[in-house]
Amino acid sequence: MSEEYVAKMDGRDFKIEVRSLNEGGSLTVKIGDETFTMKPSLKDDGTWTVSDTSSDHTVRIVRRAGKSVSLELDGKVRGVDWEHVRKEDAVKKADTPAKGGKRVSGGIYPPMPGKISDVRVKVGDKVESGQTVCILEAMKMFNELKAPLSGTVKEVNVKSGSMVALGDLLVLVE
């Protein structure tokens, strides 16, 4: 499973595809026509070390406001506007109400950036309010993300090993 994004940086548009290679956290990241193999790891101070085949890079989120983020990459701050691309059926149900940074009712969102270590539901499952639907690993802690209401799982946008950011819709319950 891959995640797709569109991003704008320095006046240029980029199509980005991120695919998990294994449970060890390695990713392939395709930006336009170029593909990179990377392994991100979250450090205790909240910065990320991203290792590619030739070097390590330090990444820190400086500021985040909706779909705009300022990243410090190896000491240089860069502004990025990004958006997660969802499959057509998901867009009909969840994307329209979420415009303008509003959260979708029944949506489960991460409280902080991190890595999904376990997904306990699939589309079509019945869940109860307060039931754990996935586990987020962040800052060496495991956080149970729970269903906000009883209902049926309509979307699961992550899998074990997925890296997530604030504002990402992980699971939708209706």
C-alpha atoms as a PDB file:
ATOM      1  CA  MET A   1       0.000   0.000   0.000  1.00  0.00           C
ATOM      2  CA  SER A   2       1.304   3.444  -0.834  1.00  0.00           C
ATOM      3  CA  GLU A   3       0.343   6.910   0.275  1.00  0.00           C
ATOM      4  CA  GLU A   4       0.155   9.712  -2.285  1.00  0.00           C
ATOM      5  CA  TYR A   5       0.608  13.423  -1.678  1.00  0.00           C
ATOM      6  CA  VAL A   6       0.799  16.614  -3.671  1.00  0.00           C
ATOM      7  CA  ALA A   7       3.182  19.262  -2.370  1.00  0.00           C
ATOM      8  CA  LYS A   8       4.257  22.763  -3.315  1.00  0.00           C
ATOM      9  CA  MET A   9       7.675  24.076  -2.335  1.00  0.00           C
ATOM     10  CA  ASP A  10       9.628  27.034  -3.679  1.00  0.00           C
ATOM     11  CA  GLY A  11       6.851  27.684  -6.239  1.00  0.00           C
ATOM     12  CA  ARG A  12       7.123  24.167  -7.691  1.00  0.00           C
ATOM     13  CA  ASP A  13       4.499  21.409  -7.574  1.00  0.00           C
ATOM     14  CA  PHE A  14       5.486  17.843  -6.713  1.00  0.00           C
ATOM     15  CA  LYS A  15       3.627  14.536  -6.801  1.00  0.00           C
ATOM     16  CA  ILE A  16       4.941  12.299  -4.003  1.00  0.00           C
ATOM     17  CA  GLU A  17       4.333   8.595  -3.421  1.00  0.00           C
ATOM     18  CA  VAL A  18       5.482   6.936  -0.190  1.00  0.00           C
ATOM     19  CA  ARG A  19       5.588   3.149   0.093  1.00  0.00           C
ATOM     20  CA  SER A  20       6.623   1.072   3.111  1.00  0.00           C
ATOM     21  CA  LEU A  21       9.290  -1.512   2.247  1.00  0.00           C
ATOM     22  CA  ASN A  22       9.245  -3.540   5.453  1.00  0.00           C
ATOM     23  CA  GLU A  23       8.374  -3.583   9.139  1.00  0.00           C
ATOM     24  CA  GLY A  24      11.799  -2.041   9.898  1.00  0.00           C
ATOM     25  CA  GLY A  25      10.476   1.340   8.790  1.00  0.00           C
ATOM     26  CA  SER A  26      12.299   1.693   5.455  1.00  0.00           C
ATOM     27  CA  LEU A  27      10.392   3.589   2.769  1.00  0.00           C
ATOM     28  CA  THR A  28      10.618   4.243  -0.920  1.00  0.00           C
ATOM     29  CA  VAL A  29       9.749   7.824  -1.713  1.00  0.00           C
ATOM     30  CA  LYS A  30       9.039   8.777  -5.310  1.00  0.00           C
ATOM     31  CA  ILE A  31       9.127  12.507  -6.036  1.00  0.00           C
ATOM     32  CA  GLY A  32       8.238  13.147  -9.658  1.00  0.00           C
ATOM     33  CA  ASP A  33      10.436  10.764 -11.649  1.00  0.00           C
ATOM     34  CA  GLU A  34      13.058  10.227  -8.913  1.00  0.00           C
ATOM     35  CA  THR A  35      12.874   7.414  -6.344  1.00  0.00           C
ATOM     36  CA  PHE A  36      14.715   7.367  -3.007  1.00  0.00           C
ATOM     37  CA  THR A  37      15.048   4.692  -0.316  1.00  0.00           C
ATOM     38  CA  MET A  38      14.865   6.199   3.174  1.00  0.00           C
ATOM     39  CA  LYS A  39      14.580   5.197   6.792  1.00  0.00           C
ATOM     40  CA  PRO A  40      13.128   7.847   9.135  1.00  0.00           C
ATOM     41  CA  SER A  41      13.572   7.581  12.902  1.00  0.00           C
ATOM     42  CA  LEU A  42      12.128   9.882  15.557  1.00  0.00           C
ATOM     43  CA  LYS A  43      14.607  11.094  18.176  1.00  0.00           C
ATOM     44  CA  ASP A  44      13.833  11.960  21.811  1.00  0.00           C
ATOM     45  CA  ASP A  45      14.039  15.708  21.109  1.00  0.00           C
ATOM     46  CA  GLY A  46      11.222  15.507  18.517  1.00  0.00           C
ATOM     47  CA  THR A  47      13.484  15.781  15.470  1.00  0.00           C
ATOM     48  CA  TRP A  48      13.702  13.107  12.817  1.00  0.00           C
ATOM     49  CA  THR A  49      16.801  11.539  11.336  1.00  0.00           C
ATOM     50  CA  VAL A  50      16.159  10.473   7.754  1.00  0.00           C
ATOM     51  CA  SER A  51      18.791   8.128   6.351  1.00  0.00           C
ATOM     52  CA  ASP A  52      19.081   7.651   2.622  1.00  0.00           C
ATOM     53  CA  THR A  53      21.608   5.491   0.815  1.00  0.00           C
ATOM     54  CA  SER A  54      24.366   8.104   1.056  1.00  0.00           C
ATOM     55  CA  SER A  55      23.823  10.220   4.181  1.00  0.00           C
ATOM     56  CA  ASP A  56      21.716  11.145   7.199  1.00  0.00           C
ATOM     57  CA  HIS A  57      19.525  14.253   7.270  1.00  0.00           C
ATOM     58  CA  THR A  58      18.016  15.991  10.306  1.00  0.00           C
ATOM     59  CA  VAL A  59      14.402  17.109   9.890  1.00  0.00           C
ATOM     60  CA  ARG A  60      12.395  19.144  12.400  1.00  0.00           C
ATOM     61  CA  ILE A  61       8.873  20.498  12.087  1.00  0.00           C
ATOM     62  CA  VAL A  62       9.221  24.202  12.911  1.00  0.00           C
ATOM     63  CA  ARG A  63       5.589  25.245  12.422  1.00  0.00           C
ATOM     64  CA  ARG A  64       2.456  23.578  11.204  1.00  0.00           C
ATOM     65  CA  ALA A  65      -0.774  25.305  10.241  1.00  0.00           C
ATOM     66  CA  GLY A  66      -3.326  23.135   8.477  1.00  0.00           C
ATOM     67  CA  LYS A  67      -1.736  21.825   5.284  1.00  0.00           C
ATOM     68  CA  SER A  68       1.224  24.224   5.438  1.00  0.00           C
ATOM     69  CA  VAL A  69       4.352  23.235   7.292  1.00  0.00           C
ATOM     70  CA  SER A  70       7.749  24.794   7.853  1.00  0.00           C
ATOM     71  CA  LEU A  71      10.492  22.175   7.998  1.00  0.00           C
ATOM     72  CA  GLU A  72      14.058  22.624   9.075  1.00  0.00           C
ATOM     73  CA  LEU A  73      16.075  20.292   6.840  1.00  0.00           C
ATOM     74  CA  ASP A  74      19.761  20.070   7.765  1.00  0.00           C
ATOM     75  CA  GLY A  75      19.548  23.551   9.307  1.00  0.00           C
ATOM     76  CA  LYS A  76      17.690  25.254   6.439  1.00  0.00           C
ATOM     77  CA  VAL A  77      14.006  26.160   6.908  1.00  0.00           C
ATOM     78  CA  ARG A  78      11.718  25.377   3.944  1.00  0.00           C
ATOM     79  CA  GLY A  79       7.993  26.008   3.583  1.00  0.00           C
ATOM     80  CA  VAL A  80       5.846  23.211   2.161  1.00  0.00           C
ATOM     81  CA  ASP A  81       2.131  23.126   1.336  1.00  0.00           C
ATOM     82  CA  TRP A  82       0.918  19.544   1.046  1.00  0.00           C
ATOM     83  CA  GLU A  83      -2.209  17.479   0.739  1.00  0.00           C
ATOM     84  CA  HIS A  84      -2.839  13.760   1.128  1.00  0.00           C
ATOM     85  CA  VAL A  85      -4.407  12.311  -2.030  1.00  0.00           C
ATOM     86  CA  ARG A  86      -7.242   9.893  -1.285  1.00  0.00           C
ATOM     87  CA  LYS A  87      -8.875   7.354  -3.525  1.00  0.00           C
ATOM     88  CA  GLU A  88     -12.038   8.567  -5.306  1.00  0.00           C
ATOM     89  CA  ASP A  89     -14.487   6.721  -3.038  1.00  0.00           C
ATOM     90  CA  ALA A  90     -12.862   8.170   0.077  1.00  0.00           C
ATOM     91  CA  VAL A  91     -12.991  11.697  -1.336  1.00  0.00           C
ATOM     92  CA  LYS A  92     -16.780  11.543  -1.717  1.00  0.00           C
ATOM     93  CA  LYS A  93     -17.322  10.583   1.924  1.00  0.00           C
ATOM     94  CA  ALA A  94     -14.596  12.372   3.846  1.00  0.00           C
ATOM     95  CA  ASP A  95     -12.790  15.089   1.900  1.00  0.00           C
ATOM     96  CA  THR A  96     -15.599  17.553   1.259  1.00  0.00           C
ATOM     97  CA  PRO A  97     -16.501  18.205   4.927  1.00  0.00           C
ATOM     98  CA  ALA A  98     -12.822  18.453   5.842  1.00  0.00           C
ATOM     99  CA  LYS A  99     -12.020  21.479   3.649  1.00  0.00           C
ATOM    100  CA  GLY A 100     -10.671  24.444   5.569  1.00  0.00           C
ATOM    101  CA  GLY A 101      -8.943  22.262   8.157  1.00  0.00           C
ATOM    102  CA  LYS A 102     -12.145  21.032   9.783  1.00  0.00           C
ATOM    103  CA  ARG A 103     -12.115  17.496  11.063  1.00  0.00           C
ATOM    104  CA  VAL A 104     -14.564  14.922   9.781  1.00  0.00           C
ATOM    105  CA  SER A 105     -17.111  13.678  12.320  1.00  0.00           C
ATOM    106  CA  GLY A 106     -16.207  10.085  13.162  1.00  0.00           C
ATOM    107  CA  GLY A 107     -12.619  10.596  11.989  1.00  0.00           C
ATOM    108  CA  ILE A 108      -9.684   9.342  14.006  1.00  0.00           C
ATOM    109  CA  TYR A 109      -6.589  11.563  13.830  1.00  0.00           C
ATOM    110  CA  PRO A 110      -3.129  11.219  15.399  1.00  0.00           C
ATOM    111  CA  PRO A 111      -2.413  13.523  18.363  1.00  0.00           C
ATOM    112  CA  MET A 112       1.198  13.854  17.109  1.00  0.00           C
ATOM    113  CA  PRO A 113       3.362  12.665  14.219  1.00  0.00           C
ATOM    114  CA  GLY A 114       4.552   9.079  14.486  1.00  0.00           C
ATOM    115  CA  LYS A 115       4.366   5.553  13.159  1.00  0.00           C
ATOM    116  CA  ILE A 116       1.342   3.257  13.192  1.00  0.00           C
ATOM    117  CA  SER A 117       2.437   0.050  14.902  1.00  0.00           C
ATOM    118  CA  ASP A 118      -0.894  -1.812  14.799  1.00  0.00           C
ATOM    119  CA  VAL A 119      -4.212  -1.465  12.965  1.00  0.00           C
ATOM    120  CA  ARG A 120      -6.994  -3.404  14.663  1.00  0.00           C
ATOM    121  CA  VAL A 121      -9.903  -2.774  12.268  1.00  0.00           C
ATOM    122  CA  LYS A 122     -10.746  -3.091   8.592  1.00  0.00           C
ATOM    123  CA  VAL A 123     -13.406  -1.517   6.393  1.00  0.00           C
ATOM    124  CA  GLY A 124     -16.820  -2.934   7.281  1.00  0.00           C
ATOM    125  CA  ASP A 125     -15.985  -3.775  10.918  1.00  0.00           C
ATOM    126  CA  LYS A 126     -18.491  -2.733  13.591  1.00  0.00           C
ATOM    127  CA  VAL A 127     -16.860  -0.764  16.437  1.00  0.00           C
ATOM    128  CA  GLU A 128     -18.007   0.563  19.785  1.00  0.00           C
ATOM    129  CA  SER A 129     -17.277   4.063  21.077  1.00  0.00           C
ATOM    130  CA  GLY A 130     -13.926   3.968  22.906  1.00  0.00           C
ATOM    131  CA  GLN A 131     -12.725   0.804  21.165  1.00  0.00           C
ATOM    132  CA  THR A 132      -9.042   0.890  20.167  1.00  0.00           C
ATOM    133  CA  VAL A 133      -8.758   0.990  16.365  1.00  0.00           C
ATOM    134  CA  CYS A 134      -4.993   1.498  15.971  1.00  0.00           C
ATOM    135  CA  ILE A 135      -1.797   2.076  17.933  1.00  0.00           C
ATOM    136  CA  LEU A 136       0.455   5.090  17.266  1.00  0.00           C
ATOM    137  CA  GLU A 137       4.120   4.911  18.251  1.00  0.00           C
ATOM    138  CA  ALA A 138       5.548   8.365  18.920  1.00  0.00           C
ATOM    139  CA  MET A 139       8.370   9.566  21.154  1.00  0.00           C
ATOM    140  CA  LYS A 140       8.960   6.002  22.430  1.00  0.00           C
ATOM    141  CA  MET A 141       5.354   5.764  23.650  1.00  0.00           C
ATOM    142  CA  PHE A 142       2.452   3.718  22.322  1.00  0.00           C
ATOM    143  CA  ASN A 143      -0.846   5.603  22.066  1.00  0.00           C
ATOM    144  CA  GLU A 144      -4.165   3.808  21.662  1.00  0.00           C
ATOM    145  CA  LEU A 145      -6.339   5.687  19.179  1.00  0.00           C
ATOM    146  CA  LYS A 146      -9.993   4.996  19.919  1.00  0.00           C
ATOM    147  CA  ALA A 147     -13.248   5.175  18.005  1.00  0.00           C
ATOM    148  CA  PRO A 148     -15.059   8.438  18.827  1.00  0.00           C
ATOM    149  CA  LEU A 149     -18.455   6.800  18.306  1.00  0.00           C
ATOM    150  CA  SER A 150     -20.112   3.443  17.706  1.00  0.00           C
ATOM    151  CA  GLY A 151     -20.628   2.532  14.075  1.00  0.00           C
ATOM    152  CA  THR A 152     -19.108   0.921  11.008  1.00  0.00           C
ATOM    153  CA  VAL A 153     -15.551   1.480   9.755  1.00  0.00           C
ATOM    154  CA  LYS A 154     -15.874   3.227   6.364  1.00  0.00           C
ATOM    155  CA  GLU A 155     -12.178   4.010   5.703  1.00  0.00           C
ATOM    156  CA  VAL A 156      -8.806   2.737   6.876  1.00  0.00           C
ATOM    157  CA  ASN A 157      -6.096   4.984   5.424  1.00  0.00           C
ATOM    158  CA  VAL A 158      -3.093   3.426   7.225  1.00  0.00           C
ATOM    159  CA  LYS A 159      -1.413   0.095   7.806  1.00  0.00           C
ATOM    160  CA  SER A 160       1.214  -1.111  10.250  1.00  0.00           C
ATOM    161  CA  GLY A 161       4.419   0.787   9.551  1.00  0.00           C
ATOM    162  CA  SER A 162       2.722   3.884   8.056  1.00  0.00           C
ATOM    163  CA  MET A 163       4.273   7.214   9.049  1.00  0.00           C
ATOM    164  CA  VAL A 164       1.567   9.764   9.908  1.00  0.00           C
ATOM    165  CA  ALA A 165       1.417  13.510  10.516  1.00  0.00           C
ATOM    166  CA  LEU A 166      -0.945  15.729  12.448  1.00  0.00           C
ATOM    167  CA  GLY A 167      -4.188  16.184  10.536  1.00  0.00           C
ATOM    168  CA  ASP A 168      -4.009  12.855   8.689  1.00  0.00           C
ATOM    169  CA  LEU A 169      -7.345  11.024   8.662  1.00  0.00           C
ATOM    170  CA  LEU A 170      -6.393   7.532   9.821  1.00  0.00           C
ATOM    171  CA  VAL A 171      -9.770   5.792  10.205  1.00  0.00           C
ATOM    172  CA  LEU A 172     -13.333   6.942   9.539  1.00  0.00           C
ATOM    173  CA  VAL A 173     -16.276   5.522  11.510  1.00  0.00           C
ATOM    174  CA  GLU A 174     -19.877   6.308  10.530  1.00  0.00           C
END
